[in-house]
Amino acid sequence: MTYPSTDGGEGVPAPASENPSNPPSTRVAYRLAEESDTAIEALRPLAESIDPEALDALFDGRAAENAYVTFRHEGFTITVTGNGDVLVDPVDVE
C-alpha cells in the first residue's frame, strides 16, 4: 500500500500501522508507538494485555465489518475493527 504522490511520483509507502498486509497485532504495536511517541522496542509486550495470536486469528479476513475488540495497553484504549481500523486513544484519568 502506498500513499499517492502529490507531484506525480510513485508515492510513499504507508506506515506499518496502516498496511493491511500486516496482522492486527503488528498494526496495533506500530500505532501505539506512533501515538505514544515511543520506540516500538520500548513498549511493553502486547501479550501483557491481550493474546496477539488470538487477535490476529479473530481478524484474519473473515471477520464481519461490525466486529471489534477493545482493550487497554500502555495507558491507551485500543480498538481493532473488522474493517481493519486500529484506533488508539489515551485513557482518561480522573
PDB file of N, CA and C in Angstrom:
ATOM      1  N   MET A   1       0.850  -1.174   0.000  1.00  0.00           N
ATOM      2  CA  MET A   1       0.000   0.000   0.000  1.00  0.00           C
ATOM      3  C   MET A   1       0.891   1.231   0.000  1.00  0.00           C
ATOM      4  N   THR A   2       0.542   2.205  -0.811  1.00  0.00           N
ATOM      5  CA  THR A   2       1.276   3.470  -0.825  1.00  0.00           C
ATOM      6  C   THR A   2       0.294   4.618  -0.796  1.00  0.00           C
ATOM      7  N   TYR A   3       0.772   5.744  -0.298  1.00  0.00           N
ATOM      8  CA  TYR A   3       0.004   6.973  -0.383  1.00  0.00           C
ATOM      9  C   TYR A   3       0.327   7.612  -1.719  1.00  0.00           C
ATOM     10  N   PRO A   4      -0.655   8.194  -2.389  1.00  0.00           N
ATOM     11  CA  PRO A   4      -0.376   8.823  -3.674  1.00  0.00           C
ATOM     12  C   PRO A   4       0.558  10.016  -3.517  1.00  0.00           C
ATOM     13  N   SER A   5       1.335  10.236  -4.551  1.00  0.00           N
ATOM     14  CA  SER A   5       2.249  11.364  -4.573  1.00  0.00           C
ATOM     15  C   SER A   5       1.494  12.601  -5.035  1.00  0.00           C
ATOM     16  N   THR A   6       1.881  13.748  -4.505  1.00  0.00           N
ATOM     17  CA  THR A   6       1.264  14.993  -4.955  1.00  0.00           C
ATOM     18  C   THR A   6       1.983  15.569  -6.163  1.00  0.00           C
ATOM     19  N   ASP A   7       3.154  15.006  -6.494  1.00  0.00           N
ATOM     20  CA  ASP A   7       3.913  15.543  -7.617  1.00  0.00           C
ATOM     21  C   ASP A   7       3.978  14.581  -8.803  1.00  0.00           C
ATOM     22  N   GLY A   8       3.109  13.564  -8.806  1.00  0.00           N
ATOM     23  CA  GLY A   8       3.090  12.630  -9.926  1.00  0.00           C
ATOM     24  C   GLY A   8       4.083  11.501  -9.798  1.00  0.00           C
ATOM     25  N   GLY A   9       4.829  11.455  -8.698  1.00  0.00           N
ATOM     26  CA  GLY A   9       5.805  10.387  -8.480  1.00  0.00           C
ATOM     27  C   GLY A   9       5.128   9.088  -8.055  1.00  0.00           C
ATOM     28  N   GLU A  10       5.930   8.177  -7.549  1.00  0.00           N
ATOM     29  CA  GLU A  10       5.433   6.862  -7.179  1.00  0.00           C
ATOM     30  C   GLU A  10       4.662   6.844  -5.873  1.00  0.00           C
ATOM     31  N   GLY A  11       4.765   7.854  -5.062  1.00  0.00           N
ATOM     32  CA  GLY A  11       4.112   7.853  -3.760  1.00  0.00           C
ATOM     33  C   GLY A  11       5.056   7.326  -2.690  1.00  0.00           C
ATOM     34  N   VAL A  12       4.570   7.298  -1.470  1.00  0.00           N
ATOM     35  CA  VAL A  12       5.386   6.824  -0.353  1.00  0.00           C
ATOM     36  C   VAL A  12       4.701   5.635   0.294  1.00  0.00           C
ATOM     37  N   PRO A  13       5.483   4.704   0.826  1.00  0.00           N
ATOM     38  CA  PRO A  13       4.865   3.552   1.482  1.00  0.00           C
ATOM     39  C   PRO A  13       4.006   3.986   2.664  1.00  0.00           C
ATOM     40  N   ALA A  14       2.898   3.303   2.861  1.00  0.00           N
ATOM     41  CA  ALA A  14       2.047   3.575   4.018  1.00  0.00           C
ATOM     42  C   ALA A  14       2.783   3.156   5.280  1.00  0.00           C
ATOM     43  N   PRO A  15       2.522   3.844   6.387  1.00  0.00           N
ATOM     44  CA  PRO A  15       3.142   3.416   7.638  1.00  0.00           C
ATOM     45  C   PRO A  15       2.741   1.981   7.972  1.00  0.00           C
ATOM     46  N   ALA A  16       3.593   1.287   8.719  1.00  0.00           N
ATOM     47  CA  ALA A  16       3.312  -0.108   9.082  1.00  0.00           C
ATOM     48  C   ALA A  16       1.990  -0.241   9.818  1.00  0.00           C
ATOM     49  N   SER A  17       1.580   0.816  10.535  1.00  0.00           N
ATOM     50  CA  SER A  17       0.326   0.757  11.285  1.00  0.00           C
ATOM     51  C   SER A  17      -0.894   0.766  10.374  1.00  0.00           C
ATOM     52  N   GLU A  18      -0.720   1.141   9.121  1.00  0.00           N
ATOM     53  CA  GLU A  18      -1.843   1.219   8.189  1.00  0.00           C
ATOM     54  C   GLU A  18      -1.746   0.208   7.062  1.00  0.00           C
ATOM     55  N   ASN A  19      -0.707  -0.591   7.039  1.00  0.00           N
ATOM     56  CA  ASN A  19      -0.514  -1.559   5.970  1.00  0.00           C
ATOM     57  C   ASN A  19      -1.412  -2.768   6.208  1.00  0.00           C
ATOM     58  N   PRO A  20      -2.420  -2.981   5.364  1.00  0.00           N
ATOM     59  CA  PRO A  20      -3.367  -4.073   5.604  1.00  0.00           C
ATOM     60  C   PRO A  20      -2.746  -5.457   5.507  1.00  0.00           C
ATOM     61  N   SER A  21      -1.550  -5.575   4.936  1.00  0.00           N
ATOM     62  CA  SER A  21      -0.915  -6.890   4.880  1.00  0.00           C
ATOM     63  C   SER A  21      -0.274  -7.268   6.220  1.00  0.00           C
ATOM     64  N   ASN A  22      -0.109  -6.293   7.119  1.00  0.00           N
ATOM     65  CA  ASN A  22       0.394  -6.594   8.459  1.00  0.00           C
ATOM     66  C   ASN A  22      -0.744  -7.126   9.316  1.00  0.00           C
ATOM     67  N   PRO A  23      -0.475  -8.111  10.172  1.00  0.00           N
ATOM     68  CA  PRO A  23      -1.533  -8.610  11.054  1.00  0.00           C
ATOM     69  C   PRO A  23      -1.944  -7.534  12.056  1.00  0.00           C
ATOM     70  N   PRO A  24      -3.157  -7.633  12.600  1.00  0.00           N
ATOM     71  CA  PRO A  24      -3.635  -6.616  13.542  1.00  0.00           C
ATOM     72  C   PRO A  24      -2.688  -6.363  14.712  1.00  0.00           C
ATOM     73  N   SER A  25      -2.091  -7.411  15.266  1.00  0.00           N
ATOM     74  CA  SER A  25      -1.197  -7.200  16.413  1.00  0.00           C
ATOM     75  C   SER A  25      -0.004  -6.322  16.034  1.00  0.00           C
ATOM     76  N   THR A  26       0.510  -6.468  14.838  1.00  0.00           N
ATOM     77  CA  THR A  26       1.622  -5.636  14.366  1.00  0.00           C
ATOM     78  C   THR A  26       1.159  -4.203  14.158  1.00  0.00           C
ATOM     79  N   ARG A  27      -0.019  -4.030  13.540  1.00  0.00           N
ATOM     80  CA  ARG A  27      -0.547  -2.678  13.329  1.00  0.00           C
ATOM     81  C   ARG A  27      -0.807  -1.983  14.659  1.00  0.00           C
ATOM     82  N   VAL A  28      -1.308  -2.734  15.658  1.00  0.00           N
ATOM     83  CA  VAL A  28      -1.537  -2.158  16.987  1.00  0.00           C
ATOM     84  C   VAL A  28      -0.219  -1.666  17.570  1.00  0.00           C
ATOM     85  N   ALA A  29       0.813  -2.474  17.521  1.00  0.00           N
ATOM     86  CA  ALA A  29       2.103  -2.091  18.101  1.00  0.00           C
ATOM     87  C   ALA A  29       2.653  -0.826  17.443  1.00  0.00           C
ATOM     88  N   TYR A  30       2.617  -0.759  16.128  1.00  0.00           N
ATOM     89  CA  TYR A  30       3.127   0.425  15.433  1.00  0.00           C
ATOM     90  C   TYR A  30       2.265   1.650  15.709  1.00  0.00           C
ATOM     91  N   ARG A  31       0.961   1.461  15.742  1.00  0.00           N
ATOM     92  CA  ARG A  31       0.047   2.585  16.000  1.00  0.00           C
ATOM     93  C   ARG A  31       0.265   3.121  17.410  1.00  0.00           C
ATOM     94  N   LEU A  32       0.423   2.210  18.372  1.00  0.00           N
ATOM     95  CA  LEU A  32       0.669   2.606  19.750  1.00  0.00           C
ATOM     96  C   LEU A  32       1.994   3.351  19.873  1.00  0.00           C
ATOM     97  N   ALA A  33       3.013   2.889  19.176  1.00  0.00           N
ATOM     98  CA  ALA A  33       4.308   3.576  19.185  1.00  0.00           C
ATOM     99  C   ALA A  33       4.166   4.986  18.613  1.00  0.00           C
ATOM    100  N   GLU A  34       3.401   5.122  17.527  1.00  0.00           N
ATOM    101  CA  GLU A  34       3.184   6.441  16.922  1.00  0.00           C
ATOM    102  C   GLU A  34       2.462   7.369  17.892  1.00  0.00           C
ATOM    103  N   GLU A  35       1.370   6.891  18.484  1.00  0.00           N
ATOM    104  CA  GLU A  35       0.551   7.734  19.363  1.00  0.00           C
ATOM    105  C   GLU A  35       1.264   8.106  20.657  1.00  0.00           C
ATOM    106  N   SER A  36       2.079   7.199  21.179  1.00  0.00           N
ATOM    107  CA  SER A  36       2.761   7.462  22.449  1.00  0.00           C
ATOM    108  C   SER A  36       4.134   8.095  22.256  1.00  0.00           C
ATOM    109  N   ASP A  37       4.542   8.252  20.994  1.00  0.00           N
ATOM    110  CA  ASP A  37       5.859   8.808  20.673  1.00  0.00           C
ATOM    111  C   ASP A  37       6.961   8.024  21.398  1.00  0.00           C
ATOM    112  N   THR A  38       6.839   6.697  21.290  1.00  0.00           N
ATOM    113  CA  THR A  38       7.758   5.774  21.942  1.00  0.00           C
ATOM    114  C   THR A  38       8.288   4.800  20.898  1.00  0.00           C
ATOM    115  N   ALA A  39       9.548   4.438  21.007  1.00  0.00           N
ATOM    116  CA  ALA A  39      10.098   3.421  20.104  1.00  0.00           C
ATOM    117  C   ALA A  39       9.352   2.112  20.328  1.00  0.00           C
ATOM    118  N   ILE A  40       9.051   1.422  19.252  1.00  0.00           N
ATOM    119  CA  ILE A  40       8.281   0.186  19.362  1.00  0.00           C
ATOM    120  C   ILE A  40       8.972  -0.820  20.280  1.00  0.00           C
ATOM    121  N   GLU A  41      10.298  -0.826  20.284  1.00  0.00           N
ATOM    122  CA  GLU A  41      11.055  -1.749  21.126  1.00  0.00           C
ATOM    123  C   GLU A  41      10.913  -1.426  22.607  1.00  0.00           C
ATOM    124  N   ALA A  42      10.536  -0.189  22.942  1.00  0.00           N
ATOM    125  CA  ALA A  42      10.414   0.235  24.336  1.00  0.00           C
ATOM    126  C   ALA A  42       9.033  -0.048  24.925  1.00  0.00           C
ATOM    127  N   LEU A  43       8.078  -0.440  24.095  1.00  0.00           N
ATOM    128  CA  LEU A  43       6.729  -0.733  24.581  1.00  0.00           C
ATOM    129  C   LEU A  43       6.706  -2.060  25.330  1.00  0.00           C
ATOM    130  N   ARG A  44       5.815  -2.158  26.320  1.00  0.00           N
ATOM    131  CA  ARG A  44       5.595  -3.446  26.986  1.00  0.00           C
ATOM    132  C   ARG A  44       5.026  -4.419  25.969  1.00  0.00           C
ATOM    133  N   PRO A  45       5.299  -5.711  26.116  1.00  0.00           N
ATOM    134  CA  PRO A  45       4.755  -6.692  25.172  1.00  0.00           C
ATOM    135  C   PRO A  45       3.228  -6.642  25.140  1.00  0.00           C
ATOM    136  N   LEU A  46       2.682  -6.684  23.958  1.00  0.00           N
ATOM    137  CA  LEU A  46       1.233  -6.663  23.786  1.00  0.00           C
ATOM    138  C   LEU A  46       0.579  -7.821  24.539  1.00  0.00           C
ATOM    139  N   ALA A  47       1.284  -8.924  24.666  1.00  0.00           N
ATOM    140  CA  ALA A  47       0.751 -10.112  25.343  1.00  0.00           C
ATOM    141  C   ALA A  47       0.440  -9.864  26.818  1.00  0.00           C
ATOM    142  N   GLU A  48       0.917  -8.767  27.386  1.00  0.00           N
ATOM    143  CA  GLU A  48       0.570  -8.437  28.768  1.00  0.00           C
ATOM    144  C   GLU A  48      -0.878  -7.982  28.884  1.00  0.00           C
ATOM    145  N   SER A  49      -1.500  -7.617  27.761  1.00  0.00           N
ATOM    146  CA  SER A  49      -2.876  -7.124  27.778  1.00  0.00           C
ATOM    147  C   SER A  49      -3.844  -7.962  26.958  1.00  0.00           C
ATOM    148  N   ILE A  50      -3.352  -8.606  25.913  1.00  0.00           N
ATOM    149  CA  ILE A  50      -4.217  -9.381  25.026  1.00  0.00           C
ATOM    150  C   ILE A  50      -3.358 -10.437  24.327  1.00  0.00           C
ATOM    151  N   ASP A  51      -3.968 -11.533  23.954  1.00  0.00           N
ATOM    152  CA  ASP A  51      -3.246 -12.583  23.232  1.00  0.00           C
ATOM    153  C   ASP A  51      -3.098 -12.149  21.772  1.00  0.00           C
ATOM    154  N   PRO A  52      -1.879 -11.791  21.323  1.00  0.00           N
ATOM    155  CA  PRO A  52      -1.701 -11.300  19.953  1.00  0.00           C
ATOM    156  C   PRO A  52      -2.121 -12.316  18.887  1.00  0.00           C
ATOM    157  N   GLU A  53      -1.856 -13.594  19.127  1.00  0.00           N
ATOM    158  CA  GLU A  53      -2.241 -14.614  18.147  1.00  0.00           C
ATOM    159  C   GLU A  53      -3.756 -14.730  18.040  1.00  0.00           C
ATOM    160  N   ALA A  54      -4.450 -14.632  19.169  1.00  0.00           N
ATOM    161  CA  ALA A  54      -5.915 -14.677  19.141  1.00  0.00           C
ATOM    162  C   ALA A  54      -6.473 -13.446  18.421  1.00  0.00           C
ATOM    163  N   LEU A  55      -5.868 -12.285  18.662  1.00  0.00           N
ATOM    164  CA  LEU A  55      -6.295 -11.060  17.978  1.00  0.00           C
ATOM    165  C   LEU A  55      -6.133 -11.209  16.471  1.00  0.00           C
ATOM    166  N   ASP A  56      -4.984 -11.726  16.045  1.00  0.00           N
ATOM    167  CA  ASP A  56      -4.738 -11.925  14.615  1.00  0.00           C
ATOM    168  C   ASP A  56      -5.713 -12.939  14.024  1.00  0.00           C
ATOM    169  N   ALA A  57      -5.996 -14.009  14.765  1.00  0.00           N
ATOM    170  CA  ALA A  57      -6.917 -15.039  14.274  1.00  0.00           C
ATOM    171  C   ALA A  57      -8.337 -14.500  14.156  1.00  0.00           C
ATOM    172  N   LEU A  58      -8.724 -13.644  15.094  1.00  0.00           N
ATOM    173  CA  LEU A  58     -10.074 -13.084  15.067  1.00  0.00           C
ATOM    174  C   LEU A  58     -10.294 -12.218  13.833  1.00  0.00           C
ATOM    175  N   PHE A  59      -9.261 -11.489  13.436  1.00  0.00           N
ATOM    176  CA  PHE A  59      -9.374 -10.580  12.296  1.00  0.00           C
ATOM    177  C   PHE A  59      -8.526 -11.082  11.130  1.00  0.00           C
ATOM    178  N   ASP A  60      -8.720 -12.323  10.757  1.00  0.00           N
ATOM    179  CA  ASP A  60      -7.934 -12.937   9.678  1.00  0.00           C
ATOM    180  C   ASP A  60      -8.579 -12.784   8.307  1.00  0.00           C
ATOM    181  N   GLY A  61      -9.470 -11.834   8.173  1.00  0.00           N
ATOM    182  CA  GLY A  61     -10.115 -11.593   6.882  1.00  0.00           C
ATOM    183  C   GLY A  61     -11.532 -12.115   6.810  1.00  0.00           C
ATOM    184  N   ARG A  62     -11.926 -12.888   7.816  1.00  0.00           N
ATOM    185  CA  ARG A  62     -13.283 -13.424   7.814  1.00  0.00           C
ATOM    186  C   ARG A  62     -14.206 -12.669   8.755  1.00  0.00           C
ATOM    187  N   ALA A  63     -13.671 -11.731   9.509  1.00  0.00           N
ATOM    188  CA  ALA A  63     -14.477 -11.008  10.492  1.00  0.00           C
ATOM    189  C   ALA A  63     -15.488 -10.102   9.796  1.00  0.00           C
ATOM    190  N   ALA A  64     -16.631  -9.988  10.405  1.00  0.00           N
ATOM    191  CA  ALA A  64     -17.649  -9.071   9.899  1.00  0.00           C
ATOM    192  C   ALA A  64     -17.179  -7.637  10.112  1.00  0.00           C
ATOM    193  N   GLU A  65     -17.626  -6.751   9.245  1.00  0.00           N
ATOM    194  CA  GLU A  65     -17.210  -5.351   9.364  1.00  0.00           C
ATOM    195  C   GLU A  65     -17.613  -4.745  10.695  1.00  0.00           C
ATOM    196  N   ASN A  66     -18.692  -5.236  11.295  1.00  0.00           N
ATOM    197  CA  ASN A  66     -19.145  -4.645  12.553  1.00  0.00           C
ATOM    198  C   ASN A  66     -18.491  -5.294  13.776  1.00  0.00           C
ATOM    199  N   ALA A  67     -17.554  -6.223  13.564  1.00  0.00           N
ATOM    200  CA  ALA A  67     -16.828  -6.840  14.674  1.00  0.00           C
ATOM    201  C   ALA A  67     -15.766  -5.877  15.192  1.00  0.00           C
ATOM    202  N   TYR A  68     -15.511  -5.937  16.491  1.00  0.00           N
ATOM    203  CA  TYR A  68     -14.433  -5.129  17.057  1.00  0.00           C
ATOM    204  C   TYR A  68     -13.980  -5.715  18.389  1.00  0.00           C
ATOM    205  N   VAL A  69     -12.764  -5.376  18.777  1.00  0.00           N
ATOM    206  CA  VAL A  69     -12.205  -5.737  20.075  1.00  0.00           C
ATOM    207  C   VAL A  69     -11.607  -4.470  20.662  1.00  0.00           C
ATOM    208  N   THR A  70     -11.906  -4.216  21.933  1.00  0.00           N
ATOM    209  CA  THR A  70     -11.349  -3.058  22.627  1.00  0.00           C
ATOM    210  C   THR A  70     -10.621  -3.547  23.873  1.00  0.00           C
ATOM    211  N   PHE A  71      -9.428  -3.005  24.102  1.00  0.00           N
ATOM    212  CA  PHE A  71      -8.652  -3.360  25.283  1.00  0.00           C
ATOM    213  C   PHE A  71      -7.750  -2.187  25.647  1.00  0.00           C
ATOM    214  N   ARG A  72      -7.151  -2.255  26.827  1.00  0.00           N
ATOM    215  CA  ARG A  72      -6.237  -1.205  27.285  1.00  0.00           C
ATOM    216  C   ARG A  72      -4.816  -1.734  27.341  1.00  0.00           C
ATOM    217  N   HIS A  73      -3.884  -0.859  26.957  1.00  0.00           N
ATOM    218  CA  HIS A  73      -2.464  -1.221  26.995  1.00  0.00           C
ATOM    219  C   HIS A  73      -1.646   0.061  27.011  1.00  0.00           C
ATOM    220  N   GLU A  74      -0.659   0.122  27.872  1.00  0.00           N
ATOM    221  CA  GLU A  74       0.280   1.257  27.921  1.00  0.00           C
ATOM    222  C   GLU A  74      -0.422   2.603  28.128  1.00  0.00           C
ATOM    223  N   GLY A  75      -1.551   2.624  28.857  1.00  0.00           N
ATOM    224  CA  GLY A  75      -2.261   3.875  29.109  1.00  0.00           C
ATOM    225  C   GLY A  75      -3.148   4.333  27.967  1.00  0.00           C
ATOM    226  N   PHE A  76      -3.453   3.442  27.031  1.00  0.00           N
ATOM    227  CA  PHE A  76      -4.307   3.762  25.893  1.00  0.00           C
ATOM    228  C   PHE A  76      -5.436   2.741  25.781  1.00  0.00           C
ATOM    229  N   THR A  77      -6.566   3.203  25.272  1.00  0.00           N
ATOM    230  CA  THR A  77      -7.647   2.307  24.887  1.00  0.00           C
ATOM    231  C   THR A  77      -7.469   2.033  23.406  1.00  0.00           C
ATOM    232  N   ILE A  78      -7.409   0.771  23.044  1.00  0.00           N
ATOM    233  CA  ILE A  78      -7.143   0.358  21.668  1.00  0.00           C
ATOM    234  C   ILE A  78      -8.349  -0.414  21.155  1.00  0.00           C
ATOM    235  N   THR A  79      -8.827  -0.039  19.981  1.00  0.00           N
ATOM    236  CA  THR A  79      -9.932  -0.746  19.342  1.00  0.00           C
ATOM    237  C   THR A  79      -9.481  -1.198  17.965  1.00  0.00           C
ATOM    238  N   VAL A  80      -9.663  -2.483  17.696  1.00  0.00           N
ATOM    239  CA  VAL A  80      -9.386  -3.058  16.380  1.00  0.00           C
ATOM    240  C   VAL A  80     -10.735  -3.439  15.796  1.00  0.00           C
ATOM    241  N   THR A  81     -11.008  -2.985  14.565  1.00  0.00           N
ATOM    242  CA  THR A  81     -12.309  -3.237  13.952  1.00  0.00           C
ATOM    243  C   THR A  81     -12.205  -4.254  12.821  1.00  0.00           C
ATOM    244  N   GLY A  82     -13.350  -4.820  12.481  1.00  0.00           N
ATOM    245  CA  GLY A  82     -13.414  -5.812  11.422  1.00  0.00           C
ATOM    246  C   GLY A  82     -13.034  -5.286  10.056  1.00  0.00           C
ATOM    247  N   ASN A  83     -13.105  -3.975   9.861  1.00  0.00           N
ATOM    248  CA  ASN A  83     -12.713  -3.418   8.562  1.00  0.00           C
ATOM    249  C   ASN A  83     -11.244  -3.006   8.531  1.00  0.00           C
ATOM    250  N   GLY A  84     -10.486  -3.357   9.594  1.00  0.00           N
ATOM    251  CA  GLY A  84      -9.044  -3.123   9.588  1.00  0.00           C
ATOM    252  C   GLY A  84      -8.560  -1.891  10.311  1.00  0.00           C
ATOM    253  N   ASP A  85      -9.465  -1.084  10.842  1.00  0.00           N
ATOM    254  CA  ASP A  85      -9.035   0.116  11.556  1.00  0.00           C
ATOM    255  C   ASP A  85      -8.425  -0.245  12.903  1.00  0.00           C
ATOM    256  N   VAL A  86      -7.413   0.514  13.295  1.00  0.00           N
ATOM    257  CA  VAL A  86      -6.815   0.413  14.625  1.00  0.00           C
ATOM    258  C   VAL A  86      -6.903   1.806  15.235  1.00  0.00           C
ATOM    259  N   LEU A  87      -7.729   1.944  16.264  1.00  0.00           N
ATOM    260  CA  LEU A  87      -7.949   3.228  16.921  1.00  0.00           C
ATOM    261  C   LEU A  87      -7.241   3.210  18.268  1.00  0.00           C
ATOM    262  N   VAL A  88      -6.475   4.248  18.553  1.00  0.00           N
ATOM    263  CA  VAL A  88      -5.704   4.333  19.789  1.00  0.00           C
ATOM    264  C   VAL A  88      -6.006   5.678  20.433  1.00  0.00           C
ATOM    265  N   ASP A  89      -6.569   5.627  21.645  1.00  0.00           N
ATOM    266  CA  ASP A  89      -6.924   6.846  22.367  1.00  0.00           C
ATOM    267  C   ASP A  89      -6.368   6.785  23.782  1.00  0.00           C
ATOM    268  N   PRO A  90      -5.851   7.916  24.286  1.00  0.00           N
ATOM    269  CA  PRO A  90      -5.358   7.914  25.664  1.00  0.00           C
ATOM    270  C   PRO A  90      -6.494   7.603  26.633  1.00  0.00           C
ATOM    271  N   VAL A  91      -6.173   6.875  27.695  1.00  0.00           N
ATOM    272  CA  VAL A  91      -7.149   6.586  28.738  1.00  0.00           C
ATOM    273  C   VAL A  91      -7.324   7.849  29.557  1.00  0.00           C
ATOM    274  N   ASP A  92      -8.575   8.239  29.783  1.00  0.00           N
ATOM    275  CA  ASP A  92      -8.857   9.402  30.620  1.00  0.00           C
ATOM    276  C   ASP A  92      -8.609   9.039  32.076  1.00  0.00           C
ATOM    277  N   VAL A  93      -7.796   9.831  32.746  1.00  0.00           N
ATOM    278  CA  VAL A  93      -7.517   9.618  34.161  1.00  0.00           C
ATOM    279  C   VAL A  93      -8.183  10.740  34.929  1.00  0.00           C
ATOM    280  N   GLU A  94      -9.055  10.361  35.841  1.00  0.00           N
ATOM    281  CA  GLU A  94      -9.767  11.379  36.622  1.00  0.00           C
ATOM    282  C   GLU A  94      -9.333  11.359  38.050  1.00  0.00           C
TER     283      GLU A  94
END
